[in-house]
Amino acid sequence: MGSLSAAWFSCEGLGWGYAMDGGTVTVSVRRRCGEVVEDQAWLTVSADLLGSAAPWRTFRWYKGQKHYSGTYWAATTRDHVIYESRLELARLLFADFDPVVHGIVAQPFLLKAEVEGQVRKHIPDFLLLTGHGPVVVDVKPRRRLSDPVVAFTFAWTRQAVESRGWRYEVWSEPREAELENVRFLAGYRRAWLFAPELLDELHRTALDGVPLGQAARLLPERSELSVRAAIHHLLWTHELHTDLTEPLRPSRVLRRAA
């Protein structure tokens, strides 16, 4: 994701390993038509099937609920994706901003495995389809990662996911400045809100090395507010880059994508 460094936690090296036969791991998927495909061999189910799945479970909103849940419209998929907490929403924002991600599925499947003589079940939070292969993501606050039940579940899930050469990620709180910058730029993610001729004009404008605060004034015949918004859109689409590890200030220098 360019200059971004999302926070994630690895169970590797902590001595968590379980006697688990990859051939006994199964997965159940809910198709978008409502059909349920149950207990398929994990190692043989295609990424296409998992990537086109509907959420295995959904949720309802009610007064006084502890979790902040909702739906997010992702520019990547041009569709709504559900989330069950603010932290999951943060991971969605980072996924939507990541140019290598081309598919996002929430609550993608039910994974089952026999671990230490018992059948274990787990529903990961997200499946990301990327140019480097699928990534299975669980989102959890950093303070809860040391919980034995959480650590156990994530450890056997990691084994199952990595048994087929996919990546497994446990994602916790990112850096606050990065999150705020991505959240801000997400407000400019809808391409149809920007006039194509304005974007074309910005593509022809010498913006490389120009501070963000000055860039919007390089097209004096156009509204400065419109130009600034279009520049923010180009930052979202990675046609322009700047340092997002610190607060997005007018002094931030713009760079053209290589």
C-alpha atoms as a PDB file:
ATOM      1  CA  MET A   1       0.000   0.000   0.000  1.00  0.00           C
ATOM      2  CA  GLY A   2       2.712   2.456  -0.867  1.00  0.00           C
ATOM      3  CA  SER A   3       3.818   4.400   2.182  1.00  0.00           C
ATOM      4  CA  LEU A   4       1.203   2.880   4.457  1.00  0.00           C
ATOM      5  CA  SER A   5       2.099   0.323   7.097  1.00  0.00           C
ATOM      6  CA  ALA A   6      -1.050  -1.334   8.424  1.00  0.00           C
ATOM      7  CA  ALA A   7      -0.726  -2.895  11.862  1.00  0.00           C
ATOM      8  CA  TRP A   8      -0.862  -6.676  11.940  1.00  0.00           C
ATOM      9  CA  PHE A   9       0.205  -9.416  14.289  1.00  0.00           C
ATOM     10  CA  SER A  10       1.879 -12.708  13.500  1.00  0.00           C
ATOM     11  CA  CYS A  11       1.642 -15.868  15.597  1.00  0.00           C
ATOM     12  CA  GLU A  12       4.782 -17.221  13.953  1.00  0.00           C
ATOM     13  CA  GLY A  13       7.663 -17.922  16.256  1.00  0.00           C
ATOM     14  CA  LEU A  14       5.516 -18.132  19.387  1.00  0.00           C
ATOM     15  CA  GLY A  15       5.486 -21.914  19.569  1.00  0.00           C
ATOM     16  CA  TRP A  16       1.854 -22.382  18.597  1.00  0.00           C
ATOM     17  CA  GLY A  17       1.581 -25.419  16.354  1.00  0.00           C
ATOM     18  CA  TYR A  18      -1.107 -28.046  16.289  1.00  0.00           C
ATOM     19  CA  ALA A  19      -1.457 -31.540  14.884  1.00  0.00           C
ATOM     20  CA  MET A  20      -3.850 -30.762  12.081  1.00  0.00           C
ATOM     21  CA  ASP A  21      -4.224 -32.702   8.863  1.00  0.00           C
ATOM     22  CA  GLY A  22      -4.846 -30.212   6.064  1.00  0.00           C
ATOM     23  CA  GLY A  23      -6.979 -32.804   4.312  1.00  0.00           C
ATOM     24  CA  THR A  24      -9.490 -32.780   7.176  1.00  0.00           C
ATOM     25  CA  VAL A  25     -10.059 -29.032   7.051  1.00  0.00           C
ATOM     26  CA  THR A  26     -13.373 -28.129   5.419  1.00  0.00           C
ATOM     27  CA  VAL A  27     -15.055 -24.910   4.393  1.00  0.00           C
ATOM     28  CA  SER A  28     -18.692 -23.905   3.972  1.00  0.00           C
ATOM     29  CA  VAL A  29     -19.704 -21.027   1.702  1.00  0.00           C
ATOM     30  CA  ARG A  30     -22.930 -19.133   1.119  1.00  0.00           C
ATOM     31  CA  ARG A  31     -23.507 -18.223  -2.528  1.00  0.00           C
ATOM     32  CA  ARG A  32     -25.069 -14.881  -3.401  1.00  0.00           C
ATOM     33  CA  CYS A  33     -28.175 -16.688  -4.628  1.00  0.00           C
ATOM     34  CA  GLY A  34     -28.656 -18.048  -1.095  1.00  0.00           C
ATOM     35  CA  GLU A  35     -27.451 -21.593  -1.775  1.00  0.00           C
ATOM     36  CA  VAL A  36     -25.103 -23.000   0.861  1.00  0.00           C
ATOM     37  CA  VAL A  37     -22.144 -25.151  -0.178  1.00  0.00           C
ATOM     38  CA  GLU A  38     -21.183 -27.099   2.954  1.00  0.00           C
ATOM     39  CA  ASP A  39     -18.122 -28.947   4.197  1.00  0.00           C
ATOM     40  CA  GLN A  40     -16.031 -28.841   1.051  1.00  0.00           C
ATOM     41  CA  ALA A  41     -12.381 -29.871   1.215  1.00  0.00           C
ATOM     42  CA  TRP A  42     -10.456 -26.714   2.076  1.00  0.00           C
ATOM     43  CA  LEU A  43      -7.475 -27.520  -0.127  1.00  0.00           C
ATOM     44  CA  THR A  44      -9.581 -27.955  -3.268  1.00  0.00           C
ATOM     45  CA  VAL A  45     -12.185 -25.163  -3.032  1.00  0.00           C
ATOM     46  CA  SER A  46     -11.395 -22.495  -5.609  1.00  0.00           C
ATOM     47  CA  ALA A  47     -10.545 -18.915  -4.764  1.00  0.00           C
ATOM     48  CA  ASP A  48     -13.187 -17.883  -7.306  1.00  0.00           C
ATOM     49  CA  LEU A  49     -15.946 -19.558  -5.288  1.00  0.00           C
ATOM     50  CA  LEU A  50     -14.755 -18.015  -2.028  1.00  0.00           C
ATOM     51  CA  GLY A  51     -14.235 -14.628  -3.632  1.00  0.00           C
ATOM     52  CA  SER A  52     -17.810 -14.547  -4.971  1.00  0.00           C
ATOM     53  CA  ALA A  53     -19.415 -15.613  -1.677  1.00  0.00           C
ATOM     54  CA  ALA A  54     -22.052 -13.763   0.268  1.00  0.00           C
ATOM     55  CA  PRO A  55     -21.332 -13.123   3.960  1.00  0.00           C
ATOM     56  CA  TRP A  56     -21.622 -16.374   5.901  1.00  0.00           C
ATOM     57  CA  ARG A  57     -23.378 -14.526   8.675  1.00  0.00           C
ATOM     58  CA  THR A  58     -25.017 -11.133   8.800  1.00  0.00           C
ATOM     59  CA  PHE A  59     -26.076  -8.987  11.725  1.00  0.00           C
ATOM     60  CA  ARG A  60     -28.853  -6.732  12.885  1.00  0.00           C
ATOM     61  CA  TRP A  61     -28.677  -3.266  14.356  1.00  0.00           C
ATOM     62  CA  TYR A  62     -30.365  -2.693  17.684  1.00  0.00           C
ATOM     63  CA  LYS A  63     -30.429  -0.021  20.355  1.00  0.00           C
ATOM     64  CA  GLY A  64     -27.689  -0.415  22.936  1.00  0.00           C
ATOM     65  CA  GLN A  65     -25.550  -2.847  20.942  1.00  0.00           C
ATOM     66  CA  LYS A  66     -21.900  -2.980  21.963  1.00  0.00           C
ATOM     67  CA  HIS A  67     -20.441  -3.150  18.465  1.00  0.00           C
ATOM     68  CA  TYR A  68     -20.494  -0.395  15.861  1.00  0.00           C
ATOM     69  CA  SER A  69     -21.641  -2.257  12.758  1.00  0.00           C
ATOM     70  CA  GLY A  70     -22.684  -1.098   9.315  1.00  0.00           C
ATOM     71  CA  THR A  71     -21.992  -1.191   5.588  1.00  0.00           C
ATOM     72  CA  TYR A  72     -19.273   0.523   3.580  1.00  0.00           C
ATOM     73  CA  TRP A  73     -19.437   1.225  -0.154  1.00  0.00           C
ATOM     74  CA  ALA A  74     -16.107   0.020  -1.546  1.00  0.00           C
ATOM     75  CA  ALA A  75     -14.750   1.643  -4.696  1.00  0.00           C
ATOM     76  CA  THR A  76     -12.739  -1.539  -5.310  1.00  0.00           C
ATOM     77  CA  THR A  77     -15.806  -3.735  -5.750  1.00  0.00           C
ATOM     78  CA  ARG A  78     -18.380  -1.008  -6.440  1.00  0.00           C
ATOM     79  CA  ASP A  79     -20.582  -2.692  -3.861  1.00  0.00           C
ATOM     80  CA  HIS A  80     -21.376  -2.561  -0.159  1.00  0.00           C
ATOM     81  CA  VAL A  81     -19.306  -4.552   2.322  1.00  0.00           C
ATOM     82  CA  ILE A  82     -20.458  -5.188   5.884  1.00  0.00           C
ATOM     83  CA  TYR A  83     -18.374  -4.622   9.020  1.00  0.00           C
ATOM     84  CA  GLU A  84     -19.023  -5.329  12.691  1.00  0.00           C
ATOM     85  CA  SER A  85     -16.777  -2.813  14.463  1.00  0.00           C
ATOM     86  CA  ARG A  86     -14.933   0.439  13.916  1.00  0.00           C
ATOM     87  CA  LEU A  87     -11.713  -1.544  13.706  1.00  0.00           C
ATOM     88  CA  GLU A  88     -13.157  -3.706  10.911  1.00  0.00           C
ATOM     89  CA  LEU A  89     -14.237  -0.518   9.140  1.00  0.00           C
ATOM     90  CA  ALA A  90     -10.660   0.733   9.427  1.00  0.00           C
ATOM     91  CA  ARG A  91      -9.376  -2.470   7.793  1.00  0.00           C
ATOM     92  CA  LEU A  92     -11.951  -2.046   5.036  1.00  0.00           C
ATOM     93  CA  LEU A  93     -10.710   1.480   4.365  1.00  0.00           C
ATOM     94  CA  PHE A  94      -7.130   0.261   4.043  1.00  0.00           C
ATOM     95  CA  ALA A  95      -8.204  -2.604   1.778  1.00  0.00           C
ATOM     96  CA  ASP A  96     -10.222  -0.284  -0.454  1.00  0.00           C
ATOM     97  CA  PHE A  97      -7.249   2.075  -0.685  1.00  0.00           C
ATOM     98  CA  ASP A  98      -4.770  -0.696  -1.520  1.00  0.00           C
ATOM     99  CA  PRO A  99      -4.197  -0.848  -5.310  1.00  0.00           C
ATOM    100  CA  VAL A 100      -3.269  -4.558  -5.266  1.00  0.00           C
ATOM    101  CA  VAL A 101      -6.667  -5.525  -3.804  1.00  0.00           C
ATOM    102  CA  HIS A 102      -9.323  -6.301  -6.421  1.00  0.00           C
ATOM    103  CA  GLY A 103     -11.873  -8.178  -4.291  1.00  0.00           C
ATOM    104  CA  ILE A 104     -13.194  -7.858  -0.735  1.00  0.00           C
ATOM    105  CA  VAL A 105     -15.521 -10.366   0.951  1.00  0.00           C
ATOM    106  CA  ALA A 106     -16.727  -9.932   4.534  1.00  0.00           C
ATOM    107  CA  GLN A 107     -17.460 -12.976   6.724  1.00  0.00           C
ATOM    108  CA  PRO A 108     -16.404 -15.026   3.682  1.00  0.00           C
ATOM    109  CA  PHE A 109     -16.734 -18.622   4.885  1.00  0.00           C
ATOM    110  CA  LEU A 110     -16.980 -21.026   7.806  1.00  0.00           C
ATOM    111  CA  LEU A 111     -13.759 -22.950   8.378  1.00  0.00           C
ATOM    112  CA  LYS A 112     -13.776 -26.256  10.276  1.00  0.00           C
ATOM    113  CA  ALA A 113     -10.820 -28.341  11.431  1.00  0.00           C
ATOM    114  CA  GLU A 114     -10.129 -31.095  13.907  1.00  0.00           C
ATOM    115  CA  VAL A 115      -7.536 -29.683  16.290  1.00  0.00           C
ATOM    116  CA  GLU A 116      -6.351 -31.512  19.394  1.00  0.00           C
ATOM    117  CA  GLY A 117      -9.162 -34.037  19.073  1.00  0.00           C
ATOM    118  CA  GLN A 118     -12.002 -31.520  18.764  1.00  0.00           C
ATOM    119  CA  VAL A 119     -13.796 -29.949  15.825  1.00  0.00           C
ATOM    120  CA  ARG A 120     -13.044 -26.223  15.769  1.00  0.00           C
ATOM    121  CA  LYS A 121     -14.959 -23.614  13.796  1.00  0.00           C
ATOM    122  CA  HIS A 122     -14.036 -20.086  12.764  1.00  0.00           C
ATOM    123  CA  ILE A 123     -15.399 -17.392  10.452  1.00  0.00           C
ATOM    124  CA  PRO A 124     -12.634 -14.986   9.371  1.00  0.00           C
ATOM    125  CA  ASP A 125     -13.514 -11.315   9.076  1.00  0.00           C
ATOM    126  CA  PHE A 126     -12.391 -10.730   5.479  1.00  0.00           C
ATOM    127  CA  LEU A 127     -11.062 -12.405   2.390  1.00  0.00           C
ATOM    128  CA  LEU A 128      -9.020 -10.066   0.186  1.00  0.00           C
ATOM    129  CA  LEU A 129      -8.290 -11.037  -3.400  1.00  0.00           C
ATOM    130  CA  THR A 130      -5.023  -9.411  -4.434  1.00  0.00           C
ATOM    131  CA  GLY A 131      -2.565  -9.422  -7.275  1.00  0.00           C
ATOM    132  CA  HIS A 132      -0.270 -11.467  -5.029  1.00  0.00           C
ATOM    133  CA  GLY A 133      -2.857 -14.098  -4.088  1.00  0.00           C
ATOM    134  CA  PRO A 134      -5.687 -14.380  -1.541  1.00  0.00           C
ATOM    135  CA  VAL A 135      -5.292 -12.964   1.969  1.00  0.00           C
ATOM    136  CA  VAL A 136      -7.490 -14.153   4.852  1.00  0.00           C
ATOM    137  CA  VAL A 137      -7.845 -11.453   7.501  1.00  0.00           C
ATOM    138  CA  ASP A 138      -8.933 -11.491  11.120  1.00  0.00           C
ATOM    139  CA  VAL A 139      -9.375  -8.147  12.882  1.00  0.00           C
ATOM    140  CA  LYS A 140      -8.835  -7.904  16.612  1.00  0.00           C
ATOM    141  CA  PRO A 141      -7.821  -5.132  19.025  1.00  0.00           C
ATOM    142  CA  ARG A 142      -4.207  -5.474  20.096  1.00  0.00           C
ATOM    143  CA  ARG A 143      -5.195  -5.772  23.752  1.00  0.00           C
ATOM    144  CA  ARG A 144      -7.074  -9.005  22.989  1.00  0.00           C
ATOM    145  CA  LEU A 145      -4.344 -10.806  21.073  1.00  0.00           C
ATOM    146  CA  SER A 146      -2.915 -12.355  24.241  1.00  0.00           C
ATOM    147  CA  ASP A 147      -6.250 -13.965  25.148  1.00  0.00           C
ATOM    148  CA  PRO A 148      -5.564 -17.747  25.046  1.00  0.00           C
ATOM    149  CA  VAL A 149      -8.795 -18.525  23.183  1.00  0.00           C
ATOM    150  CA  VAL A 150      -8.127 -15.845  20.567  1.00  0.00           C
ATOM    151  CA  ALA A 151      -4.494 -16.896  20.157  1.00  0.00           C
ATOM    152  CA  PHE A 152      -5.478 -20.574  19.808  1.00  0.00           C
ATOM    153  CA  THR A 153      -8.112 -19.834  17.164  1.00  0.00           C
ATOM    154  CA  PHE A 154      -5.831 -17.608  15.141  1.00  0.00           C
ATOM    155  CA  ALA A 155      -2.972 -20.124  15.346  1.00  0.00           C
ATOM    156  CA  TRP A 156      -4.893 -23.064  13.852  1.00  0.00           C
ATOM    157  CA  THR A 157      -6.557 -20.765  11.324  1.00  0.00           C
ATOM    158  CA  ARG A 158      -3.130 -19.581  10.214  1.00  0.00           C
ATOM    159  CA  GLN A 159      -2.009 -23.185   9.759  1.00  0.00           C
ATOM    160  CA  ALA A 160      -5.060 -23.953   7.642  1.00  0.00           C
ATOM    161  CA  VAL A 161      -4.744 -20.854   5.469  1.00  0.00           C
ATOM    162  CA  GLU A 162      -1.008 -21.171   4.921  1.00  0.00           C
ATOM    163  CA  SER A 163      -1.357 -24.896   4.126  1.00  0.00           C
ATOM    164  CA  ARG A 164      -2.615 -23.872   0.692  1.00  0.00           C
ATOM    165  CA  GLY A 165      -0.036 -21.145   0.153  1.00  0.00           C
ATOM    166  CA  TRP A 166      -2.288 -18.214   1.016  1.00  0.00           C
ATOM    167  CA  ARG A 167      -1.437 -15.410   3.388  1.00  0.00           C
ATOM    168  CA  TYR A 168      -3.063 -15.026   6.791  1.00  0.00           C
ATOM    169  CA  GLU A 169      -3.147 -11.676   8.540  1.00  0.00           C
ATOM    170  CA  VAL A 170      -4.215 -10.667  12.033  1.00  0.00           C
ATOM    171  CA  TRP A 171      -4.835  -6.934  11.877  1.00  0.00           C
ATOM    172  CA  SER A 172      -4.930  -4.563  14.832  1.00  0.00           C
ATOM    173  CA  GLU A 173      -4.983  -0.795  15.296  1.00  0.00           C
ATOM    174  CA  PRO A 174      -3.042   1.094  12.606  1.00  0.00           C
ATOM    175  CA  ARG A 175      -1.142   4.306  13.159  1.00  0.00           C
ATOM    176  CA  GLU A 176      -3.633   7.058  13.883  1.00  0.00           C
ATOM    177  CA  ALA A 177      -2.263   9.488  11.290  1.00  0.00           C
ATOM    178  CA  GLU A 178      -2.420   6.868   8.526  1.00  0.00           C
ATOM    179  CA  LEU A 179      -5.975   5.945   9.426  1.00  0.00           C
ATOM    180  CA  GLU A 180      -7.110   9.565   9.492  1.00  0.00           C
ATOM    181  CA  ASN A 181      -5.485  10.237   6.111  1.00  0.00           C
ATOM    182  CA  VAL A 182      -7.050   7.189   4.457  1.00  0.00           C
ATOM    183  CA  ARG A 183     -10.431   7.955   6.029  1.00  0.00           C
ATOM    184  CA  PHE A 184     -10.209  11.527   4.703  1.00  0.00           C
ATOM    185  CA  LEU A 185      -9.217  10.462   1.181  1.00  0.00           C
ATOM    186  CA  ALA A 186     -12.000   7.863   1.134  1.00  0.00           C
ATOM    187  CA  GLY A 187     -14.408  10.773   0.926  1.00  0.00           C
ATOM    188  CA  TYR A 188     -13.088  11.338  -2.603  1.00  0.00           C
ATOM    189  CA  ARG A 189     -13.200   7.707  -3.797  1.00  0.00           C
ATOM    190  CA  ARG A 190     -16.284   7.969  -6.053  1.00  0.00           C
ATOM    191  CA  ALA A 191     -14.887   8.616  -9.524  1.00  0.00           C
ATOM    192  CA  TRP A 192     -18.163   9.761 -11.106  1.00  0.00           C
ATOM    193  CA  LEU A 193     -18.196  12.888  -8.911  1.00  0.00           C
ATOM    194  CA  PHE A 194     -15.223  14.365 -10.786  1.00  0.00           C
ATOM    195  CA  ALA A 195     -15.393  15.900 -14.250  1.00  0.00           C
ATOM    196  CA  PRO A 196     -13.238  13.847 -16.654  1.00  0.00           C
ATOM    197  CA  GLU A 197     -11.956  17.012 -18.326  1.00  0.00           C
ATOM    198  CA  LEU A 198     -10.719  18.348 -14.965  1.00  0.00           C
ATOM    199  CA  LEU A 199      -8.916  15.090 -14.218  1.00  0.00           C
ATOM    200  CA  ASP A 200      -7.384  15.113 -17.702  1.00  0.00           C
ATOM    201  CA  GLU A 201      -6.172  18.655 -17.139  1.00  0.00           C
ATOM    202  CA  LEU A 202      -4.564  17.648 -13.861  1.00  0.00           C
ATOM    203  CA  HIS A 203      -2.875  14.719 -15.603  1.00  0.00           C
ATOM    204  CA  ARG A 204      -1.233  17.241 -17.946  1.00  0.00           C
ATOM    205  CA  THR A 205      -0.262  19.633 -15.142  1.00  0.00           C
ATOM    206  CA  ALA A 206       3.236  19.545 -13.663  1.00  0.00           C
ATOM    207  CA  LEU A 207       2.338  18.452 -10.128  1.00  0.00           C
ATOM    208  CA  ASP A 208       5.411  16.412  -9.288  1.00  0.00           C
ATOM    209  CA  GLY A 209       7.252  18.106  -6.422  1.00  0.00           C
ATOM    210  CA  VAL A 210       4.493  20.657  -5.796  1.00  0.00           C
ATOM    211  CA  PRO A 211       3.234  21.120  -2.208  1.00  0.00           C
ATOM    212  CA  LEU A 212      -0.360  20.037  -1.743  1.00  0.00           C
ATOM    213  CA  GLY A 213      -1.422  23.526  -0.613  1.00  0.00           C
ATOM    214  CA  GLN A 214      -0.163  25.122  -3.845  1.00  0.00           C
ATOM    215  CA  ALA A 215      -1.334  22.492  -6.308  1.00  0.00           C
ATOM    216  CA  ALA A 216      -4.982  23.594  -6.342  1.00  0.00           C
ATOM    217  CA  ARG A 217      -3.945  27.065  -7.505  1.00  0.00           C
ATOM    218  CA  LEU A 218      -2.184  25.838 -10.637  1.00  0.00           C
ATOM    219  CA  LEU A 219      -5.448  25.913 -12.613  1.00  0.00           C
ATOM    220  CA  PRO A 220      -6.598  29.507 -11.940  1.00  0.00           C
ATOM    221  CA  GLU A 221      -9.469  29.317 -14.429  1.00  0.00           C
ATOM    222  CA  ARG A 222     -11.117  26.584 -12.349  1.00  0.00           C
ATOM    223  CA  SER A 223     -12.626  26.598  -8.882  1.00  0.00           C
ATOM    224  CA  GLU A 224      -9.876  26.022  -6.328  1.00  0.00           C
ATOM    225  CA  LEU A 225     -12.236  23.850  -4.267  1.00  0.00           C
ATOM    226  CA  SER A 226     -12.982  21.638  -7.282  1.00  0.00           C
ATOM    227  CA  VAL A 227      -9.306  21.297  -8.154  1.00  0.00           C
ATOM    228  CA  ARG A 228      -8.366  20.444  -4.565  1.00  0.00           C
ATOM    229  CA  ALA A 229     -11.083  17.770  -4.411  1.00  0.00           C
ATOM    230  CA  ALA A 230      -9.882  16.273  -7.706  1.00  0.00           C
ATOM    231  CA  ILE A 231      -6.307  16.154  -6.390  1.00  0.00           C
ATOM    232  CA  HIS A 232      -7.565  14.275  -3.344  1.00  0.00           C
ATOM    233  CA  HIS A 233      -9.257  11.820  -5.705  1.00  0.00           C
ATOM    234  CA  LEU A 234      -5.978  11.299  -7.577  1.00  0.00           C
ATOM    235  CA  LEU A 235      -4.299  10.609  -4.244  1.00  0.00           C
ATOM    236  CA  TRP A 236      -6.977   8.005  -3.522  1.00  0.00           C
ATOM    237  CA  THR A 237      -6.421   6.324  -6.895  1.00  0.00           C
ATOM    238  CA  HIS A 238      -2.614   6.452  -6.420  1.00  0.00           C
ATOM    239  CA  GLU A 239      -2.096   8.518  -9.551  1.00  0.00           C
ATOM    240  CA  LEU A 240      -0.519  10.973  -7.126  1.00  0.00           C
ATOM    241  CA  HIS A 241       1.394  10.094  -3.980  1.00  0.00           C
ATOM    242  CA  THR A 242       2.475  11.854  -0.823  1.00  0.00           C
ATOM    243  CA  ASP A 243       3.638  10.859   2.631  1.00  0.00           C
ATOM    244  CA  LEU A 244       0.601   9.548   4.502  1.00  0.00           C
ATOM    245  CA  THR A 245       2.457   8.447   7.626  1.00  0.00           C
ATOM    246  CA  GLU A 246       2.076  11.957   9.043  1.00  0.00           C
ATOM    247  CA  PRO A 247      -0.939  14.303   9.078  1.00  0.00           C
ATOM    248  CA  LEU A 248      -1.921  15.468   5.585  1.00  0.00           C
ATOM    249  CA  ARG A 249      -0.864  19.125   5.632  1.00  0.00           C
ATOM    250  CA  PRO A 250      -0.605  21.721   2.814  1.00  0.00           C
ATOM    251  CA  SER A 251       3.196  21.366   2.946  1.00  0.00           C
ATOM    252  CA  ARG A 252       3.036  17.693   1.880  1.00  0.00           C
ATOM    253  CA  VAL A 253       4.813  17.314  -1.468  1.00  0.00           C
ATOM    254  CA  LEU A 254       2.997  15.559  -4.303  1.00  0.00           C
ATOM    255  CA  ARG A 255       4.681  12.934  -6.451  1.00  0.00           C
ATOM    256  CA  ARG A 256       3.545  11.358  -9.694  1.00  0.00           C
ATOM    257  CA  ALA A 257       3.113   7.612  -9.756  1.00  0.00           C
ATOM    258  CA  ALA A 258       6.157   5.894 -11.234  1.00  0.00           C
END
